[in-house]
Amino acid sequence: MSAAAVTLFDKPAVAAPRSALTAAQREALRHVHTYRRHRNTLTGGWYLGPKFFKRATIAALVREGLVRREKNTIAGKDYRLELTMAGIMALEKLEKPDAR
């Protein structure tokens, strides 16, 4: 059996991020890219720059494959969020004014 090749554009969050992501998820994606300071809280939420995002919002981005958690190289005990290639592509579509 041969499986069909799955591309990044097969994911709804990459193909049409405006309709597939909630407003909070779109804003969190922008904040992951914009701010270097990411701080995890005891409740599982994240401060991305000055803004707080709930654990469910970040978990949805991780589940969609747009963001991944990585060990912070500056402060070894902490984690930070990084955009994946799919996340970069979705962010580029969100930033285009005529993106559909």
N, C-alpha and C. Protein backbone atom coordinates (compact mmCIF):
# COMPACT_ATOMS: atom_id res chain seq x y z
N MET A 1 0.83 -1.17 0.00
CA MET A 1 0.00 0.00 0.00
C MET A 1 0.88 1.24 0.00
N SER A 2 0.57 2.16 -0.83
CA SER A 2 1.32 3.40 -0.85
C SER A 2 0.46 4.51 -0.23
N ALA A 3 1.07 5.22 0.69
CA ALA A 3 0.36 6.32 1.34
C ALA A 3 0.59 7.59 0.53
N ALA A 4 -0.43 8.38 0.45
CA ALA A 4 -0.30 9.65 -0.27
C ALA A 4 0.63 10.57 0.51
N ALA A 5 1.44 11.30 -0.20
CA ALA A 5 2.36 12.22 0.44
C ALA A 5 1.58 13.38 1.05
N VAL A 6 1.90 13.67 2.29
CA VAL A 6 1.23 14.76 3.00
C VAL A 6 2.17 15.96 2.97
N THR A 7 1.66 17.07 2.50
CA THR A 7 2.45 18.29 2.45
C THR A 7 1.99 19.26 3.53
N LEU A 8 2.75 20.31 3.71
CA LEU A 8 2.36 21.33 4.69
C LEU A 8 1.05 21.99 4.33
N PHE A 9 0.78 22.14 3.04
CA PHE A 9 -0.45 22.81 2.62
C PHE A 9 -1.69 21.94 2.78
N ASP A 10 -1.51 20.67 3.16
CA ASP A 10 -2.66 19.83 3.46
C ASP A 10 -3.25 20.16 4.84
N LYS A 11 -2.47 20.85 5.66
CA LYS A 11 -2.96 21.24 6.98
C LYS A 11 -3.81 22.50 6.83
N PRO A 12 -5.02 22.50 7.38
CA PRO A 12 -5.89 23.68 7.25
C PRO A 12 -5.28 24.93 7.88
N ALA A 13 -4.51 24.76 8.96
CA ALA A 13 -3.92 25.92 9.63
C ALA A 13 -2.86 26.60 8.77
N VAL A 14 -2.26 25.87 7.84
CA VAL A 14 -1.27 26.45 6.93
C VAL A 14 -1.95 26.96 5.66
N ALA A 15 -2.87 26.18 5.14
CA ALA A 15 -3.53 26.54 3.88
C ALA A 15 -4.42 27.77 4.04
N ALA A 16 -5.17 27.84 5.12
CA ALA A 16 -6.08 28.98 5.35
C ALA A 16 -6.07 29.35 6.83
N PRO A 17 -5.01 30.00 7.30
CA PRO A 17 -4.90 30.28 8.73
C PRO A 17 -5.96 31.24 9.27
N ARG A 18 -6.47 32.13 8.43
CA ARG A 18 -7.49 33.08 8.91
C ARG A 18 -8.77 32.36 9.34
N SER A 19 -9.12 31.29 8.63
CA SER A 19 -10.35 30.59 8.98
C SER A 19 -10.11 29.40 9.91
N ALA A 20 -8.91 28.83 9.89
CA ALA A 20 -8.64 27.64 10.69
C ALA A 20 -8.22 27.96 12.12
N LEU A 21 -7.67 29.15 12.35
CA LEU A 21 -7.19 29.53 13.68
C LEU A 21 -8.12 30.56 14.30
N THR A 22 -8.23 30.50 15.62
CA THR A 22 -9.01 31.51 16.33
C THR A 22 -8.21 32.80 16.40
N ALA A 23 -8.85 33.86 16.82
CA ALA A 23 -8.17 35.16 16.93
C ALA A 23 -7.03 35.08 17.95
N ALA A 24 -7.25 34.39 19.06
CA ALA A 24 -6.20 34.25 20.07
C ALA A 24 -5.02 33.43 19.54
N GLN A 25 -5.30 32.39 18.76
CA GLN A 25 -4.22 31.59 18.19
C GLN A 25 -3.42 32.38 17.17
N ARG A 26 -4.10 33.19 16.35
CA ARG A 26 -3.39 34.04 15.38
C ARG A 26 -2.50 35.05 16.09
N GLU A 27 -3.03 35.65 17.17
CA GLU A 27 -2.25 36.63 17.92
C GLU A 27 -1.06 35.96 18.61
N ALA A 28 -1.26 34.77 19.16
CA ALA A 28 -0.16 34.04 19.81
C ALA A 28 0.92 33.69 18.80
N LEU A 29 0.54 33.30 17.61
CA LEU A 29 1.50 32.98 16.56
C LEU A 29 2.36 34.21 16.23
N ARG A 30 1.72 35.36 16.14
CA ARG A 30 2.46 36.61 15.88
C ARG A 30 3.40 36.95 17.04
N HIS A 31 2.94 36.73 18.28
CA HIS A 31 3.77 37.04 19.44
C HIS A 31 4.96 36.09 19.57
N VAL A 32 4.79 34.84 19.22
CA VAL A 32 5.92 33.90 19.25
C VAL A 32 7.01 34.40 18.32
N HIS A 33 6.61 34.91 17.18
CA HIS A 33 7.57 35.40 16.20
C HIS A 33 8.19 36.74 16.61
N THR A 34 7.40 37.62 17.19
CA THR A 34 7.83 38.98 17.46
C THR A 34 8.71 39.09 18.71
N TYR A 35 8.32 38.43 19.79
CA TYR A 35 8.99 38.60 21.08
C TYR A 35 9.94 37.46 21.38
N ARG A 36 11.11 37.81 21.90
CA ARG A 36 12.08 36.78 22.29
C ARG A 36 11.81 36.25 23.69
N ARG A 37 11.15 37.04 24.52
CA ARG A 37 10.94 36.65 25.91
C ARG A 37 9.66 35.84 26.02
N HIS A 38 9.81 34.55 26.32
CA HIS A 38 8.68 33.65 26.51
C HIS A 38 8.81 33.08 27.92
N ARG A 39 7.72 33.13 28.68
CA ARG A 39 7.76 32.65 30.04
C ARG A 39 6.57 31.74 30.31
N ASN A 40 6.84 30.54 30.76
CA ASN A 40 5.80 29.58 31.10
C ASN A 40 5.39 29.81 32.55
N THR A 41 4.08 29.72 32.83
CA THR A 41 3.59 29.91 34.20
C THR A 41 3.29 28.57 34.84
N LEU A 42 3.02 28.58 36.13
CA LEU A 42 2.72 27.35 36.85
C LEU A 42 1.42 26.71 36.38
N THR A 43 0.50 27.51 35.87
CA THR A 43 -0.79 26.98 35.41
C THR A 43 -0.70 26.43 33.98
N GLY A 44 0.45 26.60 33.33
CA GLY A 44 0.62 26.09 31.97
C GLY A 44 0.43 27.15 30.91
N GLY A 45 0.01 28.35 31.30
CA GLY A 45 -0.11 29.44 30.34
C GLY A 45 1.25 30.00 29.99
N TRP A 46 1.28 30.90 29.03
CA TRP A 46 2.53 31.48 28.56
C TRP A 46 2.42 32.99 28.48
N TYR A 47 3.45 33.69 28.93
CA TYR A 47 3.62 35.10 28.65
C TYR A 47 4.53 35.19 27.43
N LEU A 48 4.02 35.75 26.36
CA LEU A 48 4.79 35.97 25.14
C LEU A 48 4.94 37.48 25.02
N GLY A 49 6.11 37.98 25.41
CA GLY A 49 6.27 39.42 25.51
C GLY A 49 5.38 39.89 26.65
N PRO A 50 4.61 40.95 26.46
CA PRO A 50 3.78 41.47 27.54
C PRO A 50 2.41 40.80 27.66
N LYS A 51 2.06 39.91 26.76
CA LYS A 51 0.70 39.35 26.68
C LYS A 51 0.67 37.92 27.21
N PHE A 52 -0.39 37.59 27.95
CA PHE A 52 -0.59 36.24 28.48
C PHE A 52 -1.52 35.44 27.57
N PHE A 53 -1.15 34.18 27.32
CA PHE A 53 -1.98 33.27 26.53
C PHE A 53 -2.25 32.01 27.34
N LYS A 54 -3.48 31.53 27.25
CA LYS A 54 -3.89 30.33 27.98
C LYS A 54 -3.18 29.09 27.44
N ARG A 55 -3.11 28.08 28.30
CA ARG A 55 -2.47 26.82 27.92
C ARG A 55 -3.15 26.19 26.72
N ALA A 56 -4.46 26.26 26.64
CA ALA A 56 -5.20 25.66 25.53
C ALA A 56 -4.87 26.32 24.19
N THR A 57 -4.62 27.62 24.22
CA THR A 57 -4.28 28.34 22.98
C THR A 57 -2.94 27.86 22.44
N ILE A 58 -1.95 27.77 23.31
CA ILE A 58 -0.61 27.33 22.89
C ILE A 58 -0.65 25.85 22.53
N ALA A 59 -1.40 25.05 23.28
CA ALA A 59 -1.50 23.61 22.99
C ALA A 59 -2.10 23.38 21.61
N ALA A 60 -3.06 24.20 21.21
CA ALA A 60 -3.66 24.07 19.89
C ALA A 60 -2.64 24.36 18.80
N LEU A 61 -1.78 25.36 19.00
CA LEU A 61 -0.74 25.67 18.02
C LEU A 61 0.29 24.55 17.93
N VAL A 62 0.62 23.96 19.07
CA VAL A 62 1.56 22.83 19.07
C VAL A 62 0.92 21.63 18.37
N ARG A 63 -0.34 21.37 18.64
CA ARG A 63 -1.05 20.25 18.03
C ARG A 63 -1.15 20.41 16.51
N GLU A 64 -1.32 21.63 16.03
CA GLU A 64 -1.39 21.90 14.59
C GLU A 64 -0.02 21.84 13.93
N GLY A 65 1.04 21.80 14.75
CA GLY A 65 2.39 21.74 14.21
C GLY A 65 2.94 23.10 13.80
N LEU A 66 2.37 24.18 14.34
CA LEU A 66 2.82 25.53 14.00
C LEU A 66 3.92 26.03 14.94
N VAL A 67 3.95 25.47 16.15
CA VAL A 67 4.88 25.91 17.19
C VAL A 67 5.43 24.66 17.88
N ARG A 68 6.69 24.75 18.33
CA ARG A 68 7.26 23.67 19.15
C ARG A 68 7.93 24.27 20.38
N ARG A 69 7.94 23.48 21.45
CA ARG A 69 8.61 23.89 22.69
C ARG A 69 10.06 23.46 22.61
N GLU A 70 10.97 24.36 22.94
CA GLU A 70 12.40 24.03 22.95
C GLU A 70 13.02 24.53 24.24
N LYS A 71 14.09 23.86 24.63
CA LYS A 71 14.84 24.29 25.79
C LYS A 71 15.45 25.65 25.52
N ASN A 72 15.34 26.55 26.47
CA ASN A 72 15.90 27.89 26.33
C ASN A 72 17.41 27.80 26.51
N THR A 73 18.17 28.20 25.50
CA THR A 73 19.63 28.09 25.58
C THR A 73 20.23 29.17 26.47
N ILE A 74 19.53 30.27 26.67
CA ILE A 74 20.04 31.35 27.52
C ILE A 74 19.85 30.99 29.00
N ALA A 75 18.65 30.60 29.37
CA ALA A 75 18.35 30.16 30.73
C ALA A 75 18.01 28.68 30.65
N GLY A 76 18.95 27.82 30.94
CA GLY A 76 18.85 26.39 30.70
C GLY A 76 17.67 25.67 31.29
N LYS A 77 17.07 26.19 32.35
CA LYS A 77 15.96 25.46 32.98
C LYS A 77 14.61 25.77 32.37
N ASP A 78 14.52 26.83 31.60
CA ASP A 78 13.25 27.27 31.03
C ASP A 78 13.04 26.74 29.62
N TYR A 79 11.82 26.91 29.16
CA TYR A 79 11.48 26.56 27.78
C TYR A 79 11.06 27.82 27.05
N ARG A 80 11.17 27.79 25.75
CA ARG A 80 10.67 28.86 24.91
C ARG A 80 9.93 28.23 23.74
N LEU A 81 9.16 29.02 23.04
CA LEU A 81 8.41 28.54 21.89
C LEU A 81 9.11 28.98 20.61
N GLU A 82 9.14 28.10 19.63
CA GLU A 82 9.74 28.40 18.33
C GLU A 82 8.73 28.07 17.24
N LEU A 83 8.70 28.88 16.20
CA LEU A 83 7.85 28.58 15.05
C LEU A 83 8.46 27.45 14.24
N THR A 84 7.63 26.56 13.76
CA THR A 84 8.07 25.53 12.83
C THR A 84 7.96 26.09 11.41
N MET A 85 8.37 25.32 10.43
CA MET A 85 8.25 25.77 9.04
C MET A 85 6.77 26.03 8.70
N ALA A 86 5.89 25.17 9.20
CA ALA A 86 4.46 25.38 8.97
C ALA A 86 3.98 26.67 9.63
N GLY A 87 4.50 26.96 10.82
CA GLY A 87 4.13 28.19 11.51
C GLY A 87 4.60 29.43 10.78
N ILE A 88 5.80 29.36 10.20
CA ILE A 88 6.33 30.49 9.43
C ILE A 88 5.47 30.73 8.19
N MET A 89 5.08 29.64 7.52
CA MET A 89 4.25 29.78 6.33
C MET A 89 2.87 30.34 6.68
N ALA A 90 2.28 29.88 7.78
CA ALA A 90 0.97 30.39 8.20
C ALA A 90 1.08 31.87 8.58
N LEU A 91 2.15 32.24 9.26
CA LEU A 91 2.34 33.64 9.65
C LEU A 91 2.51 34.53 8.43
N GLU A 92 3.23 34.06 7.43
CA GLU A 92 3.38 34.84 6.20
C GLU A 92 2.04 35.05 5.51
N LYS A 93 1.19 34.02 5.53
CA LYS A 93 -0.15 34.18 4.93
C LYS A 93 -1.00 35.16 5.73
N LEU A 94 -0.85 35.15 7.05
CA LEU A 94 -1.61 36.08 7.89
C LEU A 94 -1.17 37.52 7.68
N GLU A 95 0.11 37.71 7.40
CA GLU A 95 0.62 39.07 7.26
C GLU A 95 0.35 39.67 5.88
N LYS A 96 0.04 38.84 4.90
CA LYS A 96 -0.30 39.37 3.57
C LYS A 96 -1.69 40.00 3.65
N PRO A 97 -1.85 41.20 3.14
CA PRO A 97 -3.17 41.83 3.21
C PRO A 97 -4.23 41.17 2.34
N ASP A 98 -3.83 40.53 1.27
CA ASP A 98 -4.81 39.91 0.37
C ASP A 98 -4.87 38.40 0.52
N ALA A 99 -4.33 37.86 1.61
CA ALA A 99 -4.33 36.41 1.80
C ALA A 99 -5.74 35.91 2.04
N ARG A 100 -6.04 34.75 1.46
CA ARG A 100 -7.38 34.17 1.62
C ARG A 100 -7.30 32.86 2.30
